[in-house]
Amino acid sequence: MPTTQDWRARKRDETHHRIYETAMQLFRERGFDHVSVGQIATAAGVSVPTFYAHFPSKEHIVMQIPSQVEIDTVFHGVPADLPLAERVRRGILAWLAHYDEPERAELLDRWRIVVASPVLRNRAAEFERTTAGLVLDAIRQEAADDGPPVTHDVVVTASMSAYTQIILQWAEDDGRRSMEEVAETVLAALRQL
């Protein structure tokens, strides 16, 4: 028999999903820049505070930051004795590989909205910096001495910028090329620097 806690968790998940689906529909119809949090909340049948209990901002609906645990798991699977740039490259490829087909379709849907919004394209850099911090924390836990901390910062920041370019180019191409194919092209360009 389900407990009260199970019921609450299910209700929370249902509300979260309803807000997400409603927001995505509004973004597709009107464009991200023309939809307010209030409009999303009203259309989803929730209050604005309830929206914020589920998402820190409307940007977080389309651009999601991974958790430290997710990043740690990816880098735990990459040999720590590799050069830093290769570790990060393999981490990016492992992250891309973790998406199954339904998740890729959802990711493409979200990033089509990013591509169409100048505001979101600019905010992507902010999300990129946050993710770079998570990656730096993960690699510092296991890394061999790859030089001074500034080396870590430069390599990881450049690599996260490349990751953003991978997803943007993939979405701009409407997913016609695989993420892996786009990744190889972008990461090869990064290695030539």
Protein backbone atom coordinates (compact mmCIF):
# COMPACT_ATOMS: atom_id res chain seq x y z
CA MET A 1 0.00 0.00 0.00
CA PRO A 2 1.45 3.41 -0.98
CA THR A 3 2.46 5.68 1.85
CA THR A 4 1.67 9.37 2.21
CA GLN A 5 5.30 10.05 1.33
CA ASP A 6 4.97 8.01 -1.92
CA TRP A 7 1.79 9.92 -2.81
CA ARG A 8 3.50 13.28 -2.19
CA ALA A 9 6.52 12.29 -4.27
CA ARG A 10 4.27 11.17 -7.11
CA LYS A 11 2.26 14.42 -6.94
CA ARG A 12 5.48 16.46 -6.92
CA ASP A 13 6.78 14.55 -9.96
CA GLU A 14 3.46 15.03 -11.78
CA THR A 15 3.48 18.77 -11.06
CA HIS A 16 7.12 19.06 -12.15
CA HIS A 17 6.38 17.25 -15.40
CA ARG A 18 3.25 19.36 -16.05
CA ILE A 19 5.20 22.60 -15.56
CA TYR A 20 7.98 21.33 -17.85
CA GLU A 21 5.61 20.19 -20.61
CA THR A 22 3.54 23.38 -20.40
CA ALA A 23 6.62 25.60 -20.57
CA MET A 24 8.07 23.69 -23.51
CA GLN A 25 4.80 23.99 -25.42
CA LEU A 26 4.64 27.74 -24.76
CA PHE A 27 8.29 28.16 -25.79
CA ARG A 28 7.65 26.29 -29.05
CA GLU A 29 4.53 28.35 -29.80
CA ARG A 30 5.66 31.84 -28.74
CA GLY A 31 9.44 31.68 -28.42
CA PHE A 32 11.33 31.55 -25.15
CA ASP A 33 11.85 35.31 -24.96
CA HIS A 34 8.09 35.97 -25.17
CA VAL A 35 6.97 33.68 -22.34
CA SER A 36 7.02 34.73 -18.68
CA VAL A 37 7.16 32.57 -15.58
CA GLY A 38 3.69 33.87 -14.71
CA GLN A 39 2.32 32.67 -18.05
CA ILE A 40 3.89 29.25 -17.55
CA ALA A 41 2.47 28.97 -14.03
CA THR A 42 -1.01 30.02 -15.12
CA ALA A 43 -1.07 27.63 -18.08
CA ALA A 44 0.21 24.77 -15.87
CA GLY A 45 -2.39 25.51 -13.19
CA VAL A 46 0.14 26.33 -10.46
CA SER A 47 1.21 29.43 -8.58
CA VAL A 48 4.42 31.31 -9.37
CA PRO A 49 5.95 30.18 -6.03
CA THR A 50 5.13 26.58 -7.00
CA PHE A 51 6.93 27.11 -10.32
CA TYR A 52 10.00 28.32 -8.41
CA ALA A 53 9.79 25.34 -6.05
CA HIS A 54 10.38 23.16 -9.13
CA PHE A 55 12.69 25.29 -11.31
CA PRO A 56 15.10 28.06 -10.23
CA SER A 57 14.26 29.98 -13.44
CA LYS A 58 12.63 29.42 -16.79
CA GLU A 59 16.13 29.00 -18.26
CA HIS A 60 16.57 25.87 -16.13
CA ILE A 61 13.71 24.22 -18.02
CA VAL A 62 15.70 24.15 -21.26
CA MET A 63 19.29 24.21 -19.98
CA GLN A 64 19.83 21.74 -17.21
CA ILE A 65 22.99 21.58 -15.13
CA PRO A 66 24.19 18.09 -14.22
CA SER A 67 24.72 17.22 -10.58
CA GLN A 68 28.14 16.80 -9.02
CA VAL A 69 27.35 13.10 -8.56
CA GLU A 70 26.65 12.71 -12.30
CA ILE A 71 29.89 14.47 -13.23
CA ASP A 72 31.87 12.47 -10.65
CA THR A 73 30.44 9.24 -12.06
CA VAL A 74 31.49 10.16 -15.61
CA PHE A 75 35.04 11.05 -14.60
CA HIS A 76 35.39 8.07 -12.31
CA GLY A 77 35.09 5.97 -15.48
CA VAL A 78 37.94 7.83 -17.23
CA PRO A 79 41.51 6.75 -16.35
CA ALA A 80 43.07 9.36 -14.06
CA ASP A 81 46.56 8.83 -15.51
CA LEU A 82 45.61 10.28 -18.93
CA PRO A 83 46.65 13.83 -19.82
CA LEU A 84 44.07 16.32 -18.58
CA ALA A 85 42.78 17.35 -22.02
CA GLU A 86 42.26 13.70 -22.99
CA ARG A 87 40.46 12.98 -19.71
CA VAL A 88 38.05 15.84 -20.31
CA ARG A 89 37.55 14.85 -23.97
CA ARG A 90 36.69 11.30 -22.93
CA GLY A 91 34.42 12.63 -20.20
CA ILE A 92 32.51 14.71 -22.76
CA LEU A 93 32.14 11.72 -25.07
CA ALA A 94 31.00 9.53 -22.15
CA TRP A 95 28.44 12.16 -21.16
CA LEU A 96 27.07 12.33 -24.70
CA ALA A 97 26.92 8.52 -24.86
CA HIS A 98 24.79 8.32 -21.71
CA TYR A 99 21.77 9.83 -23.50
CA ASP A 100 19.36 7.19 -24.78
CA GLU A 101 17.17 7.93 -27.82
CA PRO A 102 14.20 9.46 -25.92
CA GLU A 103 16.62 11.64 -23.91
CA ARG A 104 18.35 12.75 -27.12
CA ALA A 105 15.00 13.72 -28.62
CA GLU A 106 14.16 15.76 -25.51
CA LEU A 107 17.62 17.36 -25.50
CA LEU A 108 17.26 18.30 -29.16
CA ASP A 109 13.82 19.80 -28.47
CA ARG A 110 15.25 21.92 -25.64
CA TRP A 111 18.29 23.07 -27.58
CA ARG A 112 16.22 24.06 -30.63
CA ILE A 113 14.68 26.58 -28.23
CA VAL A 114 18.15 27.70 -27.09
CA VAL A 115 19.28 28.16 -30.70
CA ALA A 116 16.24 30.36 -31.42
CA SER A 117 16.74 32.60 -28.37
CA PRO A 118 19.51 35.23 -28.17
CA VAL A 119 18.89 35.42 -24.40
CA LEU A 120 19.40 31.69 -23.94
CA ARG A 121 22.47 31.57 -26.18
CA ASN A 122 24.04 34.18 -23.89
CA ARG A 123 22.92 32.37 -20.74
CA ALA A 124 24.45 29.13 -22.06
CA ALA A 125 27.87 30.56 -21.17
CA GLU A 126 26.77 30.94 -17.55
CA PHE A 127 25.57 27.33 -17.39
CA GLU A 128 28.81 26.29 -19.09
CA ARG A 129 30.90 27.98 -16.34
CA THR A 130 28.86 26.26 -13.64
CA THR A 131 29.38 22.87 -15.29
CA ALA A 132 33.11 23.61 -15.67
CA GLY A 133 33.28 24.12 -11.91
CA LEU A 134 31.69 20.71 -11.35
CA VAL A 135 34.17 19.10 -13.77
CA LEU A 136 37.10 20.81 -12.04
CA ASP A 137 35.91 19.46 -8.70
CA ALA A 138 35.65 15.95 -10.17
CA ILE A 139 39.07 15.89 -11.80
CA ARG A 140 40.84 17.42 -8.81
CA GLN A 141 39.69 14.47 -6.72
CA GLU A 142 41.55 11.93 -8.87
CA ALA A 143 43.91 13.78 -11.20
CA ALA A 144 47.57 13.12 -11.51
CA ASP A 145 49.62 16.29 -11.34
CA ASP A 146 48.91 17.88 -14.72
CA GLY A 147 50.46 21.19 -13.87
CA PRO A 148 49.32 24.27 -12.01
CA PRO A 149 45.64 24.89 -11.23
CA VAL A 150 45.47 27.52 -13.98
CA THR A 151 46.15 24.71 -16.48
CA HIS A 152 43.15 22.81 -15.15
CA ASP A 153 40.99 25.91 -15.37
CA VAL A 154 42.02 26.70 -18.95
CA VAL A 155 41.67 23.13 -20.24
CA VAL A 156 38.31 22.51 -18.56
CA THR A 157 36.84 25.90 -19.48
CA ALA A 158 37.87 25.51 -23.12
CA SER A 159 36.51 21.96 -23.17
CA MET A 160 33.15 23.01 -21.69
CA SER A 161 32.93 25.74 -24.30
CA ALA A 162 33.53 23.03 -26.90
CA TYR A 163 30.77 20.94 -25.30
CA THR A 164 28.33 23.84 -25.63
CA GLN A 165 29.35 24.23 -29.27
CA ILE A 166 28.70 20.52 -29.84
CA ILE A 167 25.14 20.77 -28.56
CA LEU A 168 24.48 24.09 -30.31
CA GLN A 169 25.78 22.85 -33.67
CA TRP A 170 23.85 19.61 -33.30
CA ALA A 171 20.64 21.57 -32.61
CA GLU A 172 21.33 24.10 -35.38
CA ASP A 173 21.67 21.12 -37.75
CA ASP A 174 18.33 19.86 -36.35
CA GLY A 175 19.96 16.60 -35.24
CA ARG A 176 20.68 15.44 -38.79
CA ARG A 177 24.22 14.48 -37.77
CA SER A 178 24.75 12.43 -34.64
CA MET A 179 25.98 14.16 -31.51
CA GLU A 180 29.08 11.96 -31.67
CA GLU A 181 29.87 13.09 -35.22
CA VAL A 182 29.48 16.74 -34.26
CA ALA A 183 31.56 16.10 -31.12
CA GLU A 184 34.43 14.60 -33.08
CA THR A 185 34.49 17.62 -35.41
CA VAL A 186 34.40 20.18 -32.58
CA LEU A 187 36.87 18.32 -30.35
CA ALA A 188 39.28 17.84 -33.28
CA ALA A 189 39.21 21.62 -33.83
CA LEU A 190 39.96 22.14 -30.13
CA ARG A 191 42.96 19.79 -30.30
CA GLN A 192 44.42 21.83 -33.17
CA LEU A 193 44.73 24.94 -30.99
